[in-house]
Amino acid sequence: MEQYPTIIREFLELVQIDCSSGNERGVADYMIKKLKELGCTISEDNAAAQTKGNTGNITAYLPGELPGCLMLSAHMDRVDNGIGVKPVIQDDRISSDGTTILGADNVSGLVVILDGLRRLVASKKPHSTIEIVLSVCEEAGIWGARLYDLKKLQSELCYIFDSTGPIGRIDVKRPFKAMLYIDVYGKAAHGGSPEKGVNAIKATCNMLAGIREGRLDKESTSNLGVIHGGLTQPASVCNHVMMKCEARSMQEKKLMDYLDYFMDYCKTRIKDTGATLDIRYEIQHRGYSFSDQDRLVELAVQELKGMGIEPELTSIMEGCDGNIFVGAKIPCVSFGMGNTAAHSLEETASIRELIQSGELAYRLMAAYSKEKENA
C-alpha cells in the first residue's frame, strides 16, 4: 500500500472501517484525527441523540488569514452492506471483492477533502477560513444535515464532494422532495367470516388502482416505496395498511400539484371501500438550480479548465446535503470524482480521478482565497 499516494492509502483505510447510517463512529474518529493533524479545530453536534446513532455531525475549521469562508462537505455514512469491505485494485480502478459495496460513496468525498486541505497547508500561502462539514445519516434521508444547526454556518459558498460520474461533472440542479405517509384502516374479523370485516389490503389496492406514479415527466418522479399490512398468518381480515411513498421534482410547483393530486385521488377512491384513510405529506428538502452565471459554478468551471478537464453541468434527481445547506442561503453544487455504480456490488473508484479531485479541492480553496485577497 505504501506505493500509493496518501489520498489512495487513506481511501483504502477508510473503506475498511465498518460503517453505516447511525454507525459512523470509526470513520468520524479517523477524520477527526486527520483534520486535527492539519490544524483544524473540531466540534461535534448532538445529532446522534435524534438519529439514535453513535455519532454527530462533525464541523471543522481551518482558520485563515484572509477574509471570507468557504465550505467543503461530504457525508460519513454509507448504505447497508458496507461492512467487512475488502478493496481490490486492478489497473486504475478500486473495487470491492464483490461481496460488499466498496463505499466510495462517500469515502471518496472524505479523502478528497483531506487531500485538498493537505495541499493547501503545504502551500504555505495565505488563505480564507475553510469550513468543513461532515454529516451523518445522509443515506437515511439526509438526516444529519436536516438536524444541523444551519445558523452556525459561516460560509459564503459550498462545494459538496458527493456524486457519481467522472471528474468534470458538476451537479448544478437537484430536486425538491416530499414523503407521503398513508394509513388505511379497515375492520378486523375472523378469516372464516370475512363479510364481518373490512379488508384494508383490498381497500388499499382499490384506492391505488390507476394512480399516476413512476416517471411523471422528464423532471418529476413518484415512487410507492413501502407497504405493510396484516398479521403473520392469514386467519384474520387485515384492519390496517401502512404505506410510505416519495415524490420528487425539479420544479416546486410540479411537486405541490402532484401531492394535491395524490391526496385527492386517494381520498376519492377510498370512499366506496368501507375503509378510512389518514394521509399526510412532509417536504423533506428543497431543490436548487444554479447556472454558469453563478459565481460558485464559474469558479468550479475555471479551475476544472485550468486542470485541462472539460466541465459538464448536469442535473440529478437525487438529493444531498447541499439541498439542506441551500436553505441557509449558501449556494451549493456537487462534483463527480470518478466513482461508478454507487450502492451496488459493482461500485468502483478511479485512482487517477480521485487524485485529480484532491487537486480540484485545493484549487477551489486557493482560487476563492485569491479572490478575497484581491477584493
Protein backbone atom coordinates (compact mmCIF):
# COMPACT_ATOMS: atom_id res chain seq x y z
CA MET A 1 0.00 0.00 0.00
CA GLU A 2 2.97 2.31 0.54
CA GLN A 3 3.45 2.68 -3.22
CA TYR A 4 0.19 4.67 -3.50
CA PRO A 5 -0.24 8.42 -2.82
CA THR A 6 -1.59 9.44 0.58
CA ILE A 7 -5.11 10.06 -0.75
CA ILE A 8 -5.33 6.49 -2.06
CA ARG A 9 -3.90 4.98 1.13
CA GLU A 10 -6.48 6.92 3.13
CA PHE A 11 -9.24 5.71 0.82
CA LEU A 12 -8.20 2.08 1.31
CA GLU A 13 -8.03 2.55 5.09
CA LEU A 14 -11.41 4.28 5.34
CA VAL A 15 -13.41 1.79 3.26
CA GLN A 16 -12.19 -0.95 5.59
CA ILE A 17 -13.66 0.81 8.64
CA ASP A 18 -17.12 -0.69 9.16
CA CYS A 19 -19.74 2.00 8.76
CA SER A 20 -23.43 2.55 8.07
CA SER A 21 -26.05 5.20 8.73
CA GLY A 22 -26.09 5.64 12.52
CA ASN A 23 -22.75 3.85 12.94
CA GLU A 24 -20.22 6.43 11.70
CA ARG A 25 -18.07 6.47 14.84
CA GLY A 26 -14.99 4.76 13.39
CA VAL A 27 -14.98 6.93 10.28
CA ALA A 28 -15.58 10.09 12.35
CA ASP A 29 -12.69 9.30 14.72
CA TYR A 30 -10.40 8.71 11.73
CA MET A 31 -11.41 12.03 10.14
CA ILE A 32 -11.12 13.96 13.41
CA LYS A 33 -7.55 12.72 13.90
CA LYS A 34 -6.56 13.65 10.34
CA LEU A 35 -8.21 17.06 10.50
CA LYS A 36 -6.56 17.92 13.80
CA GLU A 37 -3.17 17.00 12.33
CA LEU A 38 -3.83 19.55 9.58
CA GLY A 39 -4.51 22.28 12.15
CA CYS A 40 -8.32 22.25 12.20
CA THR A 41 -10.47 22.94 15.23
CA ILE A 42 -13.24 20.35 15.62
CA SER A 43 -16.73 20.22 17.07
CA GLU A 44 -19.42 17.54 17.06
CA ASP A 45 -23.14 18.22 17.47
CA ASN A 46 -25.80 16.11 19.20
CA ALA A 47 -27.44 14.69 16.06
CA ALA A 48 -26.74 11.18 17.41
CA ALA A 49 -29.41 11.64 20.08
CA GLN A 50 -32.05 12.18 17.41
CA THR A 51 -30.82 9.67 14.84
CA LYS A 52 -30.33 7.02 17.56
CA GLY A 53 -26.80 6.64 16.20
CA ASN A 54 -23.36 6.83 17.78
CA THR A 55 -22.03 9.92 16.02
CA GLY A 56 -22.95 13.56 15.49
CA ASN A 57 -22.21 15.83 12.56
CA ILE A 58 -18.58 16.96 12.52
CA THR A 59 -17.64 20.58 11.83
CA ALA A 60 -14.01 21.57 11.35
CA TYR A 61 -12.41 24.94 10.72
CA LEU A 62 -9.04 25.63 9.19
CA PRO A 63 -8.53 29.25 10.26
CA GLY A 64 -7.36 31.63 7.55
CA GLU A 65 -5.54 34.93 7.40
CA LEU A 66 -7.69 36.28 4.54
CA PRO A 67 -11.34 37.39 4.57
CA GLY A 68 -14.14 35.03 3.61
CA CYS A 69 -15.16 31.49 4.46
CA LEU A 70 -15.61 28.57 2.03
CA MET A 71 -17.30 25.27 2.89
CA LEU A 72 -16.36 21.79 1.71
CA SER A 73 -18.71 18.98 2.68
CA ALA A 74 -19.16 15.20 2.46
CA HIS A 75 -21.11 12.58 4.38
CA MET A 76 -19.54 9.88 6.55
CA ASP A 77 -22.14 7.11 6.32
CA ARG A 78 -22.68 4.56 3.57
CA VAL A 79 -25.56 2.30 2.59
CA ASP A 80 -26.02 -1.17 4.08
CA ASN A 81 -23.67 -3.96 3.01
CA GLY A 82 -20.65 -1.76 3.66
CA ILE A 83 -19.34 -3.97 6.47
CA GLY A 84 -16.19 -6.02 6.01
CA VAL A 85 -15.16 -4.27 2.79
CA LYS A 86 -12.09 -5.79 1.13
CA PRO A 87 -10.79 -3.38 -1.52
CA VAL A 88 -9.24 -4.75 -4.69
CA ILE A 89 -7.05 -2.70 -7.06
CA GLN A 90 -6.85 -3.52 -10.76
CA ASP A 91 -5.09 -1.03 -13.00
CA ASP A 92 -6.63 2.40 -12.29
CA ARG A 93 -9.77 1.19 -10.52
CA ILE A 94 -10.57 0.21 -6.96
CA SER A 95 -13.48 -2.16 -6.31
CA SER A 96 -14.62 -4.46 -3.51
CA ASP A 97 -14.11 -8.22 -3.68
CA GLY A 98 -17.71 -8.48 -4.91
CA THR A 99 -19.32 -9.48 -1.62
CA THR A 100 -19.97 -5.92 -0.40
CA ILE A 101 -20.27 -2.42 -1.77
CA LEU A 102 -16.99 -0.50 -1.98
CA GLY A 103 -18.10 2.55 -0.02
CA ALA A 104 -16.69 5.09 -2.47
CA ASP A 105 -20.00 6.84 -1.78
CA ASN A 106 -18.85 8.74 0.15
CA VAL A 107 -15.32 7.79 1.24
CA SER A 108 -14.16 9.45 -1.98
CA GLY A 109 -15.52 12.78 -0.75
CA LEU A 110 -13.82 12.40 2.62
CA VAL A 111 -10.36 11.70 1.23
CA VAL A 112 -10.68 14.39 -1.45
CA ILE A 113 -11.35 16.97 1.25
CA LEU A 114 -8.38 15.75 3.31
CA ASP A 115 -6.14 15.86 0.26
CA GLY A 116 -7.24 19.36 -0.71
CA LEU A 117 -6.61 20.62 2.82
CA ARG A 118 -3.21 18.91 2.90
CA ARG A 119 -2.21 20.63 -0.33
CA LEU A 120 -3.47 23.99 0.98
CA VAL A 121 -1.48 23.71 4.22
CA ALA A 122 1.64 22.57 2.35
CA SER A 123 1.44 25.58 0.00
CA LYS A 124 2.00 27.91 2.98
CA LYS A 125 0.03 30.59 1.12
CA PRO A 126 -2.44 32.88 2.87
CA HIS A 127 -6.00 31.61 2.56
CA SER A 128 -9.54 32.27 3.72
CA THR A 129 -11.09 30.26 6.52
CA ILE A 130 -12.19 26.80 5.37
CA GLU A 131 -15.31 25.31 6.93
CA ILE A 132 -15.62 21.50 6.72
CA VAL A 133 -18.97 19.82 7.40
CA LEU A 134 -19.07 16.02 7.58
CA SER A 135 -22.60 14.76 8.05
CA VAL A 136 -24.15 11.58 9.40
CA CYS A 137 -27.14 9.60 8.10
CA GLU A 138 -27.16 11.18 4.65
CA GLU A 139 -28.11 7.85 3.10
CA ALA A 140 -31.03 7.53 5.52
CA GLY A 141 -32.87 10.60 4.25
CA ILE A 142 -30.26 13.38 4.64
CA TRP A 143 -30.97 13.28 8.37
CA GLY A 144 -27.64 14.62 9.60
CA ALA A 145 -27.87 17.79 7.53
CA ARG A 146 -31.55 18.19 8.38
CA LEU A 147 -30.62 18.16 12.08
CA TYR A 148 -27.65 20.51 11.61
CA ASP A 149 -27.87 23.97 13.20
CA LEU A 150 -27.67 25.97 9.98
CA LYS A 151 -27.31 29.24 11.91
CA LYS A 152 -23.75 28.19 12.79
CA LEU A 153 -22.59 28.04 9.18
CA GLN A 154 -20.23 30.85 8.25
CA SER A 155 -19.52 30.14 4.59
CA GLU A 156 -20.36 32.17 1.51
CA LEU A 157 -20.21 29.20 -0.91
CA CYS A 158 -20.23 25.43 -0.52
CA TYR A 159 -18.76 22.60 -2.60
CA ILE A 160 -20.17 19.13 -1.92
CA PHE A 161 -17.95 16.17 -2.77
CA ASP A 162 -20.69 13.58 -3.15
CA SER A 163 -21.72 12.38 -6.59
CA THR A 164 -21.09 9.58 -9.04
CA GLY A 165 -19.68 10.14 -12.51
CA PRO A 166 -16.38 11.40 -13.87
CA ILE A 167 -14.40 14.35 -12.65
CA GLY A 168 -15.64 17.39 -14.53
CA ARG A 169 -19.26 16.66 -13.70
CA ILE A 170 -20.84 19.49 -11.70
CA ASP A 171 -24.35 18.82 -10.39
CA VAL A 172 -25.94 22.25 -10.58
CA LYS A 173 -29.56 21.16 -10.22
CA ARG A 174 -31.15 18.87 -7.64
CA PRO A 175 -34.84 18.20 -6.88
CA PHE A 176 -37.44 19.15 -4.33
CA LYS A 177 -38.58 16.04 -2.44
CA ALA A 178 -41.60 15.06 -0.35
CA MET A 179 -42.58 11.98 1.63
CA LEU A 180 -46.19 10.74 1.73
CA TYR A 181 -47.41 8.79 4.77
CA ILE A 182 -50.62 6.78 4.26
CA ASP A 183 -52.63 4.71 6.73
CA VAL A 184 -55.67 2.75 5.54
CA TYR A 185 -57.91 1.45 8.36
CA GLY A 186 -60.33 -1.41 7.79
CA LYS A 187 -62.12 -3.62 10.29
CA ALA A 188 -60.69 -6.82 11.75
CA ALA A 189 -62.69 -10.06 11.57
CA HIS A 190 -62.07 -13.79 11.62
CA GLY A 191 -60.93 -15.20 8.29
CA GLY A 192 -63.87 -17.60 8.43
CA SER A 193 -66.33 -14.68 8.48
CA PRO A 194 -64.68 -12.09 6.25
CA GLU A 195 -68.00 -10.40 5.48
CA LYS A 196 -67.95 -9.04 9.05
CA GLY A 197 -64.76 -7.12 8.40
CA VAL A 198 -63.31 -4.57 6.01
CA ASN A 199 -60.07 -5.72 4.40
CA ALA A 200 -57.57 -2.87 4.45
CA ILE A 201 -55.35 -4.62 1.90
CA LYS A 202 -58.15 -4.84 -0.67
CA ALA A 203 -59.20 -1.26 0.09
CA THR A 204 -55.62 -0.09 -0.47
CA CYS A 205 -55.39 -1.93 -3.79
CA ASN A 206 -58.69 -0.41 -4.94
CA MET A 207 -57.56 3.02 -3.79
CA LEU A 208 -54.31 2.93 -5.73
CA ALA A 209 -55.63 1.39 -8.93
CA GLY A 210 -54.89 3.73 -11.81
CA ILE A 211 -52.94 6.30 -9.80
CA ARG A 212 -50.18 8.16 -11.65
CA GLU A 213 -46.78 7.10 -10.33
CA GLY A 214 -43.27 6.28 -11.51
CA ARG A 215 -41.86 8.66 -14.12
CA LEU A 216 -44.32 11.56 -14.19
CA ASP A 217 -42.39 13.74 -16.64
CA LYS A 218 -38.76 14.42 -17.51
CA GLU A 219 -38.15 16.26 -14.24
CA SER A 220 -40.65 14.63 -11.83
CA THR A 221 -40.98 11.15 -10.29
CA SER A 222 -43.11 9.29 -7.77
CA ASN A 223 -42.40 6.00 -6.02
CA LEU A 224 -44.75 3.79 -3.98
CA GLY A 225 -41.88 2.52 -1.89
CA VAL A 226 -43.07 0.81 1.33
CA ILE A 227 -46.25 -1.09 2.24
CA HIS A 228 -47.01 -3.10 5.38
CA GLY A 229 -50.25 -4.74 6.43
CA GLY A 230 -51.82 -7.74 8.08
CA LEU A 231 -50.58 -10.27 10.62
CA THR A 232 -48.13 -13.13 10.16
CA GLN A 233 -50.96 -15.58 9.47
CA PRO A 234 -53.90 -15.03 7.07
CA ALA A 235 -56.51 -16.07 9.67
CA SER A 236 -57.75 -12.53 10.26
CA VAL A 237 -59.11 -9.85 7.97
CA CYS A 238 -56.44 -7.14 7.74
CA ASN A 239 -57.52 -3.97 9.52
CA HIS A 240 -54.53 -1.68 8.83
CA VAL A 241 -52.17 -0.98 5.94
CA MET A 242 -49.31 1.50 6.21
CA MET A 243 -47.56 2.98 3.21
CA LYS A 244 -44.63 5.35 2.62
CA CYS A 245 -44.22 6.98 -0.76
CA GLU A 246 -42.00 9.70 -2.12
CA ALA A 247 -42.26 12.28 -4.88
CA ARG A 248 -39.58 14.48 -6.46
CA SER A 249 -39.48 17.28 -8.97
CA MET A 250 -37.05 19.88 -10.16
CA GLN A 251 -39.97 22.34 -10.05
CA GLU A 252 -41.59 23.14 -6.70
CA LYS A 253 -44.99 23.84 -8.25
CA LYS A 254 -45.00 20.49 -10.06
CA LEU A 255 -44.26 18.71 -6.78
CA MET A 256 -47.01 20.53 -4.90
CA ASP A 257 -49.50 19.91 -7.71
CA TYR A 258 -48.69 16.20 -7.66
CA LEU A 259 -49.07 15.99 -3.87
CA ASP A 260 -52.51 17.62 -4.14
CA TYR A 261 -53.45 15.19 -6.92
CA PHE A 262 -52.21 12.14 -4.97
CA MET A 263 -54.10 13.05 -1.80
CA ASP A 264 -57.33 13.93 -3.64
CA TYR A 265 -57.16 10.71 -5.69
CA CYS A 266 -56.73 8.54 -2.59
CA LYS A 267 -59.48 10.32 -0.66
CA THR A 268 -61.90 9.90 -3.56
CA ARG A 269 -61.07 6.25 -4.24
CA ILE A 270 -61.26 5.15 -0.59
CA LYS A 271 -64.89 6.28 -0.21
CA ASP A 272 -66.53 3.18 -1.67
CA THR A 273 -64.30 0.62 0.10
CA GLY A 274 -65.66 0.86 3.64
CA ALA A 275 -62.18 1.72 4.92
CA THR A 276 -60.97 5.05 6.28
CA LEU A 277 -57.87 6.96 5.32
CA ASP A 278 -55.24 9.03 7.10
CA ILE A 279 -52.84 10.69 4.65
CA ARG A 280 -50.26 13.45 5.01
CA TYR A 281 -47.04 14.63 3.42
CA GLU A 282 -43.78 16.16 4.56
CA ILE A 283 -41.40 18.26 2.45
CA GLN A 284 -38.02 16.66 3.13
CA HIS A 285 -35.91 19.19 1.30
CA ARG A 286 -35.99 22.00 -1.19
CA GLY A 287 -34.41 21.81 -4.60
CA TYR A 288 -31.82 24.09 -6.08
CA SER A 289 -30.70 25.23 -9.51
CA PHE A 290 -27.58 27.17 -10.48
CA SER A 291 -26.08 28.12 -13.83
CA ASP A 292 -22.74 29.04 -15.31
CA GLN A 293 -23.62 32.64 -14.42
CA ASP A 294 -23.45 31.89 -10.68
CA ARG A 295 -20.13 32.57 -9.00
CA LEU A 296 -19.70 29.15 -7.40
CA VAL A 297 -20.19 27.48 -10.79
CA GLU A 298 -17.93 29.99 -12.56
CA LEU A 299 -15.17 29.24 -10.06
CA ALA A 300 -15.53 25.46 -10.47
CA VAL A 301 -15.56 25.71 -14.28
CA GLN A 302 -12.49 27.94 -14.21
CA GLU A 303 -10.48 25.54 -12.05
CA LEU A 304 -11.50 22.41 -13.96
CA LYS A 305 -10.49 24.03 -17.23
CA GLY A 306 -7.23 25.05 -15.59
CA MET A 307 -6.62 21.33 -15.00
CA GLY A 308 -7.35 20.55 -18.65
CA ILE A 309 -10.75 18.98 -17.79
CA GLU A 310 -13.88 19.97 -19.70
CA PRO A 311 -16.71 20.71 -17.22
CA GLU A 312 -20.17 19.22 -17.69
CA LEU A 313 -23.06 20.94 -15.93
CA THR A 314 -25.68 18.32 -15.03
CA SER A 315 -28.91 17.84 -13.13
CA ILE A 316 -29.52 14.83 -10.90
CA MET A 317 -32.77 13.51 -9.43
CA GLU A 318 -31.13 12.73 -6.09
CA GLY A 319 -30.96 14.94 -3.02
CA CYS A 320 -27.81 15.60 -1.00
CA ASP A 321 -26.72 17.66 1.99
CA GLY A 322 -26.50 20.66 -0.30
CA ASN A 323 -30.30 20.68 -0.60
CA ILE A 324 -30.35 21.50 3.12
CA PHE A 325 -27.46 23.96 3.17
CA VAL A 326 -29.08 25.97 0.38
CA GLY A 327 -31.83 26.62 2.91
CA ALA A 328 -29.27 28.65 4.85
CA LYS A 329 -28.78 30.73 1.68
CA ILE A 330 -25.40 29.12 0.97
CA PRO A 331 -25.15 28.21 -2.74
CA CYS A 332 -24.02 24.59 -3.22
CA VAL A 333 -23.00 22.34 -6.10
CA SER A 334 -21.60 18.81 -6.04
CA PHE A 335 -18.87 17.07 -8.03
CA GLY A 336 -18.26 13.74 -9.72
CA MET A 337 -14.98 12.17 -8.59
CA GLY A 338 -14.68 9.13 -10.86
CA ASN A 339 -17.00 6.80 -8.93
CA THR A 340 -19.34 4.37 -10.69
CA ALA A 341 -22.29 2.13 -9.71
CA ALA A 342 -22.85 3.61 -6.24
CA HIS A 343 -24.77 1.43 -3.74
CA SER A 344 -24.08 -1.75 -5.71
CA LEU A 345 -21.62 -4.65 -5.54
CA GLU A 346 -20.13 -3.34 -8.81
CA GLU A 347 -19.16 0.03 -7.29
CA THR A 348 -15.71 1.32 -8.31
CA ALA A 349 -13.47 4.34 -7.83
CA SER A 350 -10.80 5.70 -10.18
CA ILE A 351 -7.36 6.25 -8.67
CA ARG A 352 -6.48 8.88 -11.27
CA GLU A 353 -9.71 10.82 -10.82
CA LEU A 354 -9.51 10.69 -7.02
CA ILE A 355 -6.06 12.29 -7.21
CA GLN A 356 -7.37 14.90 -9.65
CA SER A 357 -10.33 15.60 -7.35
CA GLY A 358 -7.96 16.29 -4.48
CA GLU A 359 -6.21 18.82 -6.70
CA LEU A 360 -9.58 20.35 -7.60
CA ALA A 361 -10.50 20.75 -3.92
CA TYR A 362 -7.19 22.56 -3.34
CA ARG A 363 -7.59 24.77 -6.40
CA LEU A 364 -11.09 25.81 -5.36
CA MET A 365 -9.88 26.85 -1.91
CA ALA A 366 -6.86 28.67 -3.33
CA ALA A 367 -8.86 30.45 -6.05
CA TYR A 368 -11.56 31.55 -3.61
CA SER A 369 -8.88 32.85 -1.23
CA LYS A 370 -7.12 34.74 -4.01
CA GLU A 371 -10.39 36.44 -4.97
CA LYS A 372 -10.89 37.54 -1.38
CA GLU A 373 -7.33 38.78 -1.13
CA ASN A 374 -7.76 40.90 -4.27
CA ALA A 375 -11.24 42.16 -3.44
